[in-house]
Amino acid sequence: MTEREGVVESKGEPLTLLGDEVKVGSKAAEFEVVGNDMKPVRLSDFRGKAVVLSAVPSLDTPTCDIETRRFNQEAAGLGWNVVILTVSRDLPFAQKRWCGAAGVDRVITASDYREGAFGRAYGVFIKEWALLARTVFVIDKEGMVRYVQSVKDVSTEPDYEPVLEAVRAAARQ
């Protein structure tokens, strides 16, 4: 398994990511995570739609909370052919509780709690914490990666505007 150091950090402390870097222009890898209803969620479930794939450490942290609520708000203006999927290693039960308490109803949350296979396949599994690094991918309707934003300090929010621009462009294709 590839180890990548120095890509992300937490408040100045470097972290190690497991897995290869996903690059713009590559085919998005199929994955299976677990939905809040304990059923499988796969990338292929959203074929024909543009996907904002947001990997976060934990919904129960302030920054992940803010980010997911923001994407939930933005989802209303993105149209029927865009899906926002947030993946963390939180248990599905915790994700369901969090969504209910936060009023998040447009973002789909799913868990990579079992083996962290999604995190490794997308190169965002933090070795030291066994959590996911804050990274946003935009995948077009054909399953191609059109945008990647790896947030250097996992305790900070992503830059939303380039993500939204990329998903709007992917949805038009």
N, C-alpha and C. Protein backbone atom coordinates (compact mmCIF):
# COMPACT_ATOMS: atom_id res chain seq x y z
N MET A 1 0.86 -1.18 0.00
CA MET A 1 0.00 0.00 0.00
C MET A 1 0.90 1.24 0.00
N THR A 2 0.61 2.15 -0.90
CA THR A 2 1.36 3.39 -1.00
C THR A 2 1.11 4.25 0.24
N GLU A 3 2.19 4.81 0.80
CA GLU A 3 2.09 5.78 1.90
C GLU A 3 2.56 7.12 1.37
N ARG A 4 1.75 8.15 1.60
CA ARG A 4 2.09 9.49 1.14
C ARG A 4 2.14 10.42 2.34
N GLU A 5 3.30 11.02 2.54
CA GLU A 5 3.50 11.92 3.68
C GLU A 5 3.52 13.36 3.21
N GLY A 6 3.08 14.27 4.09
CA GLY A 6 3.17 15.69 3.80
C GLY A 6 2.04 16.25 2.96
N VAL A 7 1.09 15.41 2.56
CA VAL A 7 -0.03 15.89 1.76
C VAL A 7 -1.00 16.66 2.64
N VAL A 8 -1.26 16.11 3.83
CA VAL A 8 -2.17 16.75 4.78
C VAL A 8 -1.52 16.80 6.16
N GLU A 9 -2.11 17.66 6.99
CA GLU A 9 -1.62 17.83 8.36
C GLU A 9 -2.79 18.22 9.24
N SER A 10 -2.53 18.19 10.53
CA SER A 10 -3.50 18.69 11.50
C SER A 10 -2.78 19.67 12.41
N LYS A 11 -3.11 20.94 12.24
CA LYS A 11 -2.53 22.01 13.04
C LYS A 11 -1.00 21.93 13.05
N GLY A 12 -0.43 21.74 11.87
CA GLY A 12 1.01 21.73 11.70
C GLY A 12 1.68 20.37 11.84
N GLU A 13 0.97 19.38 12.32
CA GLU A 13 1.53 18.03 12.47
C GLU A 13 1.25 17.23 11.20
N PRO A 14 2.30 16.73 10.53
CA PRO A 14 2.09 15.97 9.30
C PRO A 14 1.40 14.63 9.56
N LEU A 15 0.58 14.23 8.59
CA LEU A 15 -0.13 12.95 8.66
C LEU A 15 0.22 12.13 7.42
N THR A 16 0.04 10.82 7.52
CA THR A 16 0.36 9.91 6.43
C THR A 16 -0.94 9.39 5.81
N LEU A 17 -1.04 9.51 4.49
CA LEU A 17 -2.20 8.99 3.78
C LEU A 17 -1.85 7.65 3.16
N LEU A 18 -2.78 6.71 3.24
CA LEU A 18 -2.61 5.40 2.61
C LEU A 18 -3.41 5.36 1.32
N GLY A 19 -2.78 4.85 0.27
CA GLY A 19 -3.44 4.73 -1.03
C GLY A 19 -2.86 5.71 -2.03
N ASP A 20 -3.10 5.41 -3.30
CA ASP A 20 -2.60 6.25 -4.38
C ASP A 20 -3.43 7.51 -4.52
N GLU A 21 -2.79 8.56 -4.97
CA GLU A 21 -3.48 9.83 -5.22
C GLU A 21 -4.43 9.67 -6.40
N VAL A 22 -5.65 10.16 -6.25
CA VAL A 22 -6.62 10.17 -7.34
C VAL A 22 -6.40 11.47 -8.12
N LYS A 23 -6.27 11.33 -9.44
CA LYS A 23 -5.96 12.49 -10.26
C LYS A 23 -7.11 12.85 -11.20
N VAL A 24 -7.21 14.14 -11.49
CA VAL A 24 -8.19 14.63 -12.45
C VAL A 24 -7.94 13.94 -13.78
N GLY A 25 -9.03 13.50 -14.41
CA GLY A 25 -8.94 12.83 -15.70
C GLY A 25 -8.94 11.31 -15.59
N SER A 26 -8.81 10.79 -14.37
CA SER A 26 -8.83 9.34 -14.18
C SER A 26 -10.26 8.85 -13.99
N LYS A 27 -10.45 7.57 -14.23
CA LYS A 27 -11.75 6.94 -13.99
C LYS A 27 -11.91 6.80 -12.48
N ALA A 28 -13.05 7.21 -11.96
CA ALA A 28 -13.32 7.11 -10.52
C ALA A 28 -13.48 5.63 -10.16
N ALA A 29 -12.79 5.21 -9.13
CA ALA A 29 -12.86 3.82 -8.69
C ALA A 29 -14.22 3.51 -8.08
N GLU A 30 -14.75 2.36 -8.41
CA GLU A 30 -15.99 1.88 -7.78
C GLU A 30 -15.67 1.62 -6.31
N PHE A 31 -16.65 1.85 -5.47
CA PHE A 31 -16.50 1.58 -4.04
C PHE A 31 -17.84 1.19 -3.47
N GLU A 32 -17.78 0.59 -2.29
CA GLU A 32 -18.99 0.27 -1.55
C GLU A 32 -18.80 0.72 -0.11
N VAL A 33 -19.70 1.56 0.34
CA VAL A 33 -19.74 2.02 1.73
C VAL A 33 -21.12 1.66 2.27
N VAL A 34 -21.39 2.02 3.52
CA VAL A 34 -22.63 1.62 4.16
C VAL A 34 -23.49 2.85 4.43
N GLY A 35 -24.73 2.83 3.96
CA GLY A 35 -25.65 3.94 4.17
C GLY A 35 -26.23 3.93 5.57
N ASN A 36 -26.94 5.00 5.90
CA ASN A 36 -27.56 5.12 7.23
C ASN A 36 -28.57 4.03 7.52
N ASP A 37 -29.06 3.39 6.45
CA ASP A 37 -30.02 2.30 6.61
C ASP A 37 -29.32 0.93 6.63
N MET A 38 -28.00 0.93 6.71
CA MET A 38 -27.15 -0.27 6.74
C MET A 38 -27.12 -1.00 5.40
N LYS A 39 -27.58 -0.36 4.33
CA LYS A 39 -27.53 -0.96 3.01
C LYS A 39 -26.31 -0.42 2.26
N PRO A 40 -25.81 -1.19 1.29
CA PRO A 40 -24.65 -0.73 0.54
C PRO A 40 -24.96 0.51 -0.30
N VAL A 41 -23.97 1.37 -0.38
CA VAL A 41 -24.01 2.55 -1.25
C VAL A 41 -22.78 2.44 -2.14
N ARG A 42 -23.00 2.49 -3.44
CA ARG A 42 -21.90 2.36 -4.40
C ARG A 42 -21.87 3.59 -5.31
N LEU A 43 -20.69 3.90 -5.81
CA LEU A 43 -20.59 4.99 -6.77
C LEU A 43 -21.49 4.72 -7.97
N SER A 44 -21.56 3.47 -8.40
CA SER A 44 -22.36 3.13 -9.58
C SER A 44 -23.86 3.37 -9.36
N ASP A 45 -24.29 3.52 -8.11
CA ASP A 45 -25.69 3.86 -7.83
C ASP A 45 -26.07 5.22 -8.42
N PHE A 46 -25.07 6.06 -8.68
CA PHE A 46 -25.31 7.43 -9.12
C PHE A 46 -24.90 7.66 -10.57
N ARG A 47 -24.72 6.57 -11.32
CA ARG A 47 -24.33 6.68 -12.73
C ARG A 47 -25.33 7.58 -13.46
N GLY A 48 -24.81 8.45 -14.29
CA GLY A 48 -25.66 9.38 -15.03
C GLY A 48 -25.87 10.70 -14.31
N LYS A 49 -25.31 10.82 -13.11
CA LYS A 49 -25.39 12.07 -12.36
C LYS A 49 -23.98 12.54 -12.03
N ALA A 50 -23.82 13.84 -11.86
CA ALA A 50 -22.56 14.37 -11.36
C ALA A 50 -22.55 14.17 -9.85
N VAL A 51 -21.38 13.84 -9.30
CA VAL A 51 -21.27 13.52 -7.88
C VAL A 51 -20.22 14.40 -7.22
N VAL A 52 -20.62 15.05 -6.14
CA VAL A 52 -19.65 15.68 -5.24
C VAL A 52 -19.41 14.63 -4.16
N LEU A 53 -18.19 14.13 -4.10
CA LEU A 53 -17.82 13.10 -3.14
C LEU A 53 -16.93 13.76 -2.09
N SER A 54 -17.49 13.94 -0.92
CA SER A 54 -16.81 14.66 0.15
C SER A 54 -16.38 13.67 1.23
N ALA A 55 -15.06 13.51 1.39
CA ALA A 55 -14.52 12.66 2.45
C ALA A 55 -14.21 13.55 3.65
N VAL A 56 -14.67 13.15 4.83
CA VAL A 56 -14.44 13.94 6.04
C VAL A 56 -14.01 13.03 7.19
N PRO A 57 -13.27 13.57 8.16
CA PRO A 57 -12.85 12.75 9.31
C PRO A 57 -14.03 12.24 10.15
N SER A 58 -14.91 13.15 10.60
CA SER A 58 -16.05 12.74 11.43
C SER A 58 -17.09 13.84 11.45
N LEU A 59 -18.35 13.46 11.23
CA LEU A 59 -19.43 14.44 11.26
C LEU A 59 -19.58 15.09 12.63
N ASP A 60 -19.08 14.43 13.66
CA ASP A 60 -19.19 14.96 15.02
C ASP A 60 -18.07 15.93 15.39
N THR A 61 -17.42 16.51 14.39
CA THR A 61 -16.42 17.55 14.65
C THR A 61 -16.94 18.85 14.05
N PRO A 62 -16.53 19.99 14.61
CA PRO A 62 -17.08 21.27 14.14
C PRO A 62 -16.89 21.53 12.64
N THR A 63 -15.71 21.27 12.10
CA THR A 63 -15.46 21.59 10.70
C THR A 63 -16.26 20.69 9.77
N CYS A 64 -16.33 19.40 10.08
CA CYS A 64 -17.12 18.47 9.25
C CYS A 64 -18.60 18.83 9.31
N ASP A 65 -19.05 19.24 10.48
CA ASP A 65 -20.43 19.68 10.66
C ASP A 65 -20.72 20.88 9.75
N ILE A 66 -19.86 21.87 9.79
CA ILE A 66 -20.05 23.07 8.97
C ILE A 66 -20.02 22.72 7.49
N GLU A 67 -19.04 21.92 7.09
CA GLU A 67 -18.90 21.55 5.68
C GLU A 67 -20.12 20.81 5.15
N THR A 68 -20.59 19.84 5.89
CA THR A 68 -21.72 19.04 5.42
C THR A 68 -23.01 19.84 5.40
N ARG A 69 -23.19 20.71 6.39
CA ARG A 69 -24.36 21.60 6.36
C ARG A 69 -24.29 22.54 5.16
N ARG A 70 -23.11 23.05 4.86
CA ARG A 70 -22.94 23.95 3.70
C ARG A 70 -23.28 23.22 2.40
N PHE A 71 -22.76 22.01 2.23
CA PHE A 71 -23.09 21.26 1.02
C PHE A 71 -24.58 20.94 0.97
N ASN A 72 -25.21 20.71 2.10
CA ASN A 72 -26.65 20.47 2.14
C ASN A 72 -27.41 21.70 1.62
N GLN A 73 -26.98 22.89 2.03
CA GLN A 73 -27.60 24.12 1.55
C GLN A 73 -27.39 24.29 0.05
N GLU A 74 -26.16 24.05 -0.40
CA GLU A 74 -25.83 24.24 -1.82
C GLU A 74 -26.57 23.24 -2.71
N ALA A 75 -26.87 22.06 -2.18
CA ALA A 75 -27.52 21.02 -2.97
C ALA A 75 -28.84 21.50 -3.57
N ALA A 76 -29.55 22.34 -2.86
CA ALA A 76 -30.85 22.83 -3.32
C ALA A 76 -30.75 23.54 -4.67
N GLY A 77 -29.64 24.20 -4.93
CA GLY A 77 -29.49 24.95 -6.17
C GLY A 77 -28.73 24.23 -7.26
N LEU A 78 -28.37 22.97 -7.04
CA LEU A 78 -27.54 22.28 -8.03
C LEU A 78 -28.33 21.43 -9.02
N GLY A 79 -29.57 21.16 -8.75
CA GLY A 79 -30.39 20.43 -9.70
C GLY A 79 -30.48 18.95 -9.43
N TRP A 80 -31.40 18.31 -10.14
CA TRP A 80 -31.72 16.89 -9.95
C TRP A 80 -30.60 15.97 -10.38
N ASN A 81 -29.71 16.45 -11.27
CA ASN A 81 -28.67 15.57 -11.80
C ASN A 81 -27.33 15.69 -11.06
N VAL A 82 -27.39 16.17 -9.81
CA VAL A 82 -26.20 16.27 -8.96
C VAL A 82 -26.50 15.58 -7.64
N VAL A 83 -25.56 14.76 -7.20
CA VAL A 83 -25.65 14.08 -5.91
C VAL A 83 -24.46 14.52 -5.06
N ILE A 84 -24.73 14.80 -3.80
CA ILE A 84 -23.64 15.08 -2.86
C ILE A 84 -23.59 13.93 -1.87
N LEU A 85 -22.45 13.26 -1.84
CA LEU A 85 -22.23 12.11 -0.98
C LEU A 85 -21.08 12.42 -0.04
N THR A 86 -21.36 12.39 1.26
CA THR A 86 -20.32 12.60 2.26
C THR A 86 -19.99 11.28 2.92
N VAL A 87 -18.71 10.93 2.90
CA VAL A 87 -18.25 9.66 3.47
C VAL A 87 -17.33 9.94 4.64
N SER A 88 -17.59 9.26 5.75
CA SER A 88 -16.72 9.32 6.93
C SER A 88 -16.60 7.91 7.48
N ARG A 89 -15.85 7.75 8.54
CA ARG A 89 -15.75 6.44 9.18
C ARG A 89 -16.65 6.36 10.40
N ASP A 90 -17.51 7.37 10.59
CA ASP A 90 -18.52 7.31 11.66
C ASP A 90 -19.42 6.11 11.41
N LEU A 91 -19.94 5.52 12.47
CA LEU A 91 -20.90 4.44 12.30
C LEU A 91 -22.17 4.96 11.64
N PRO A 92 -22.84 4.14 10.84
CA PRO A 92 -24.07 4.58 10.18
C PRO A 92 -25.12 5.10 11.16
N PHE A 93 -25.20 4.52 12.34
CA PHE A 93 -26.18 4.98 13.34
C PHE A 93 -25.86 6.40 13.79
N ALA A 94 -24.58 6.69 13.97
CA ALA A 94 -24.16 8.04 14.37
C ALA A 94 -24.44 9.03 13.24
N GLN A 95 -24.19 8.62 12.00
CA GLN A 95 -24.47 9.49 10.86
C GLN A 95 -25.97 9.81 10.78
N LYS A 96 -26.79 8.81 10.96
CA LYS A 96 -28.24 9.02 10.90
C LYS A 96 -28.69 9.97 12.00
N ARG A 97 -28.18 9.78 13.21
CA ARG A 97 -28.50 10.67 14.33
C ARG A 97 -28.06 12.09 14.01
N TRP A 98 -26.82 12.24 13.51
CA TRP A 98 -26.29 13.55 13.20
C TRP A 98 -27.14 14.24 12.13
N CYS A 99 -27.48 13.52 11.05
CA CYS A 99 -28.30 14.12 9.98
C CYS A 99 -29.63 14.62 10.53
N GLY A 100 -30.27 13.83 11.38
CA GLY A 100 -31.54 14.23 11.96
C GLY A 100 -31.41 15.47 12.81
N ALA A 101 -30.37 15.51 13.65
CA ALA A 101 -30.16 16.66 14.53
C ALA A 101 -29.77 17.91 13.75
N ALA A 102 -29.02 17.73 12.65
CA ALA A 102 -28.53 18.87 11.87
C ALA A 102 -29.52 19.30 10.79
N GLY A 103 -30.56 18.51 10.56
CA GLY A 103 -31.51 18.84 9.51
C GLY A 103 -30.94 18.63 8.11
N VAL A 104 -29.96 17.77 7.99
CA VAL A 104 -29.35 17.49 6.69
C VAL A 104 -30.20 16.45 5.97
N ASP A 105 -30.79 16.86 4.84
CA ASP A 105 -31.68 15.98 4.12
C ASP A 105 -31.40 15.91 2.63
N ARG A 106 -30.42 16.67 2.15
CA ARG A 106 -30.09 16.65 0.73
C ARG A 106 -28.75 15.98 0.46
N VAL A 107 -27.89 15.90 1.47
CA VAL A 107 -26.61 15.22 1.35
C VAL A 107 -26.82 13.78 1.80
N ILE A 108 -26.28 12.85 1.04
CA ILE A 108 -26.30 11.44 1.43
C ILE A 108 -25.04 11.19 2.24
N THR A 109 -25.19 10.65 3.44
CA THR A 109 -24.01 10.29 4.22
C THR A 109 -23.86 8.78 4.21
N ALA A 110 -22.61 8.34 4.18
CA ALA A 110 -22.32 6.91 4.16
C ALA A 110 -21.03 6.67 4.93
N SER A 111 -20.89 5.44 5.41
CA SER A 111 -19.79 5.09 6.30
C SER A 111 -18.80 4.12 5.66
N ASP A 112 -17.53 4.39 5.89
CA ASP A 112 -16.43 3.54 5.46
C ASP A 112 -15.84 2.83 6.68
N TYR A 113 -16.71 2.51 7.65
CA TYR A 113 -16.24 2.01 8.94
C TYR A 113 -15.67 0.60 8.91
N ARG A 114 -16.07 -0.20 7.97
CA ARG A 114 -15.67 -1.62 8.00
C ARG A 114 -14.17 -1.81 7.84
N GLU A 115 -13.66 -1.65 6.65
CA GLU A 115 -12.22 -1.86 6.44
C GLU A 115 -11.50 -0.59 5.99
N GLY A 116 -12.25 0.47 5.79
CA GLY A 116 -11.62 1.68 5.27
C GLY A 116 -11.23 1.53 3.81
N ALA A 117 -11.92 0.64 3.08
CA ALA A 117 -11.57 0.37 1.69
C ALA A 117 -11.74 1.59 0.80
N PHE A 118 -12.81 2.37 1.04
CA PHE A 118 -12.99 3.59 0.26
C PHE A 118 -11.79 4.52 0.47
N GLY A 119 -11.44 4.75 1.73
CA GLY A 119 -10.33 5.65 2.06
C GLY A 119 -9.03 5.25 1.39
N ARG A 120 -8.75 3.98 1.36
CA ARG A 120 -7.52 3.49 0.72
C ARG A 120 -7.62 3.60 -0.81
N ALA A 121 -8.79 3.28 -1.37
CA ALA A 121 -8.97 3.34 -2.83
C ALA A 121 -8.84 4.77 -3.35
N TYR A 122 -9.25 5.73 -2.54
CA TYR A 122 -9.19 7.14 -2.95
C TYR A 122 -8.00 7.88 -2.35
N GLY A 123 -7.13 7.15 -1.64
CA GLY A 123 -5.90 7.74 -1.11
C GLY A 123 -6.11 8.75 -0.02
N VAL A 124 -7.19 8.60 0.79
CA VAL A 124 -7.50 9.59 1.82
C VAL A 124 -7.57 8.98 3.22
N PHE A 125 -7.09 7.75 3.38
CA PHE A 125 -7.11 7.08 4.69
C PHE A 125 -5.92 7.57 5.51
N ILE A 126 -6.19 8.20 6.65
CA ILE A 126 -5.12 8.73 7.51
C ILE A 126 -4.59 7.59 8.39
N LYS A 127 -3.37 7.21 8.16
CA LYS A 127 -2.76 6.08 8.87
C LYS A 127 -2.78 6.28 10.38
N GLU A 128 -2.40 7.46 10.85
CA GLU A 128 -2.28 7.71 12.28
C GLU A 128 -3.61 7.70 13.01
N TRP A 129 -4.68 8.04 12.36
CA TRP A 129 -5.98 8.19 13.01
C TRP A 129 -7.01 7.15 12.60
N ALA A 130 -6.76 6.45 11.52
CA ALA A 130 -7.75 5.53 10.93
C ALA A 130 -9.06 6.28 10.60
N LEU A 131 -8.90 7.51 10.15
CA LEU A 131 -10.02 8.35 9.70
C LEU A 131 -9.72 8.81 8.28
N LEU A 132 -10.66 9.51 7.66
CA LEU A 132 -10.47 10.01 6.31
C LEU A 132 -10.01 11.46 6.32
N ALA A 133 -9.13 11.79 5.38
CA ALA A 133 -8.67 13.17 5.22
C ALA A 133 -9.75 13.97 4.50
N ARG A 134 -9.84 15.24 4.84
CA ARG A 134 -10.83 16.12 4.21
C ARG A 134 -10.42 16.35 2.75
N THR A 135 -11.19 15.75 1.86
CA THR A 135 -10.93 15.83 0.43
C THR A 135 -12.26 15.86 -0.30
N VAL A 136 -12.32 16.65 -1.37
CA VAL A 136 -13.55 16.73 -2.16
C VAL A 136 -13.20 16.35 -3.60
N PHE A 137 -13.96 15.40 -4.14
CA PHE A 137 -13.82 14.95 -5.52
C PHE A 137 -15.11 15.33 -6.26
N VAL A 138 -14.98 15.72 -7.51
CA VAL A 138 -16.14 15.90 -8.37
C VAL A 138 -16.00 14.88 -9.49
N ILE A 139 -17.04 14.08 -9.64
CA ILE A 139 -17.06 13.00 -10.63
C ILE A 139 -18.20 13.29 -11.60
N ASP A 140 -17.89 13.22 -12.89
CA ASP A 140 -18.92 13.56 -13.88
C ASP A 140 -19.87 12.39 -14.13
N LYS A 141 -20.84 12.61 -15.00
CA LYS A 141 -21.89 11.62 -15.26
C LYS A 141 -21.35 10.33 -15.88
N GLU A 142 -20.16 10.40 -16.45
CA GLU A 142 -19.54 9.23 -17.07
C GLU A 142 -18.59 8.51 -16.12
N GLY A 143 -18.46 9.03 -14.88
CA GLY A 143 -17.59 8.38 -13.90
C GLY A 143 -16.13 8.82 -13.94
N MET A 144 -15.88 9.96 -14.56
CA MET A 144 -14.51 10.49 -14.63
C MET A 144 -14.31 11.54 -13.55
N VAL A 145 -13.12 11.55 -12.96
CA VAL A 145 -12.78 12.54 -11.93
C VAL A 145 -12.50 13.86 -12.64
N ARG A 146 -13.26 14.89 -12.31
CA ARG A 146 -13.12 16.20 -12.94
C ARG A 146 -12.48 17.24 -12.03
N TYR A 147 -12.43 16.98 -10.73
CA TYR A 147 -11.88 17.96 -9.79
C TYR A 147 -11.51 17.22 -8.51
N VAL A 148 -10.37 17.62 -7.91
CA VAL A 148 -9.95 17.09 -6.61
C VAL A 148 -9.43 18.25 -5.78
N GLN A 149 -9.91 18.34 -4.55
CA GLN A 149 -9.39 19.33 -3.60
C GLN A 149 -9.04 18.60 -2.31
N SER A 150 -7.73 18.48 -2.07
CA SER A 150 -7.24 17.89 -0.83
C SER A 150 -6.93 19.05 0.10
N VAL A 151 -7.65 19.14 1.21
CA VAL A 151 -7.48 20.26 2.14
C VAL A 151 -6.22 20.01 2.97
N LYS A 152 -5.27 20.91 2.88
CA LYS A 152 -3.96 20.71 3.52
C LYS A 152 -4.09 20.46 5.02
N ASP A 153 -4.81 21.34 5.72
CA ASP A 153 -5.02 21.15 7.17
C ASP A 153 -6.41 20.59 7.37
N VAL A 154 -6.50 19.35 7.83
CA VAL A 154 -7.79 18.68 7.93
C VAL A 154 -8.75 19.36 8.89
N SER A 155 -8.27 20.31 9.67
CA SER A 155 -9.16 21.02 10.60
C SER A 155 -9.78 22.27 9.97
N THR A 156 -9.52 22.49 8.66
CA THR A 156 -10.10 23.65 7.98
C THR A 156 -11.07 23.20 6.89
N GLU A 157 -11.96 24.10 6.52
CA GLU A 157 -12.97 23.81 5.50
C GLU A 157 -12.35 23.84 4.10
N PRO A 158 -12.99 23.16 3.16
CA PRO A 158 -12.54 23.27 1.77
C PRO A 158 -12.92 24.64 1.21
N ASP A 159 -12.37 24.96 0.06
CA ASP A 159 -12.75 26.15 -0.69
C ASP A 159 -13.95 25.73 -1.54
N TYR A 160 -15.14 26.17 -1.16
CA TYR A 160 -16.38 25.68 -1.77
C TYR A 160 -16.58 26.12 -3.21
N GLU A 161 -16.23 27.36 -3.55
CA GLU A 161 -16.54 27.88 -4.88
C GLU A 161 -15.96 27.06 -6.02
N PRO A 162 -14.68 26.64 -5.97
CA PRO A 162 -14.18 25.80 -7.07
C PRO A 162 -14.90 24.45 -7.16
N VAL A 163 -15.30 23.90 -6.03
CA VAL A 163 -16.05 22.64 -6.02
C VAL A 163 -17.38 22.85 -6.74
N LEU A 164 -18.08 23.91 -6.38
CA LEU A 164 -19.39 24.18 -6.97
C LEU A 164 -19.29 24.48 -8.47
N GLU A 165 -18.25 25.20 -8.86
CA GLU A 165 -18.03 25.46 -10.28
C GLU A 165 -17.78 24.15 -11.03
N ALA A 166 -16.96 23.29 -10.45
CA ALA A 166 -16.63 22.02 -11.10
C ALA A 166 -17.86 21.11 -11.21
N VAL A 167 -18.68 21.06 -10.19
CA VAL A 167 -19.86 20.19 -10.27
C VAL A 167 -20.90 20.75 -11.23
N ARG A 168 -21.02 22.05 -11.31
CA ARG A 168 -21.96 22.64 -12.28
C ARG A 168 -21.50 22.30 -13.70
N ALA A 169 -20.20 22.39 -13.95
CA ALA A 169 -19.66 22.05 -15.27
C ALA A 169 -19.86 20.56 -15.55
N ALA A 170 -19.63 19.71 -14.57
CA ALA A 170 -19.78 18.26 -14.75
C ALA A 170 -21.24 17.90 -15.00
N ALA A 171 -22.15 18.61 -14.38
CA ALA A 171 -23.58 18.33 -14.56
C ALA A 171 -24.07 18.74 -15.95
N ARG A 172 -23.41 19.75 -16.55
CA ARG A 172 -23.81 20.21 -17.89
C ARG A 172 -23.33 19.29 -19.00
N GLN A 173 -22.29 18.54 -18.73
CA GLN A 173 -21.69 17.69 -19.79
C GLN A 173 -22.62 16.59 -20.23
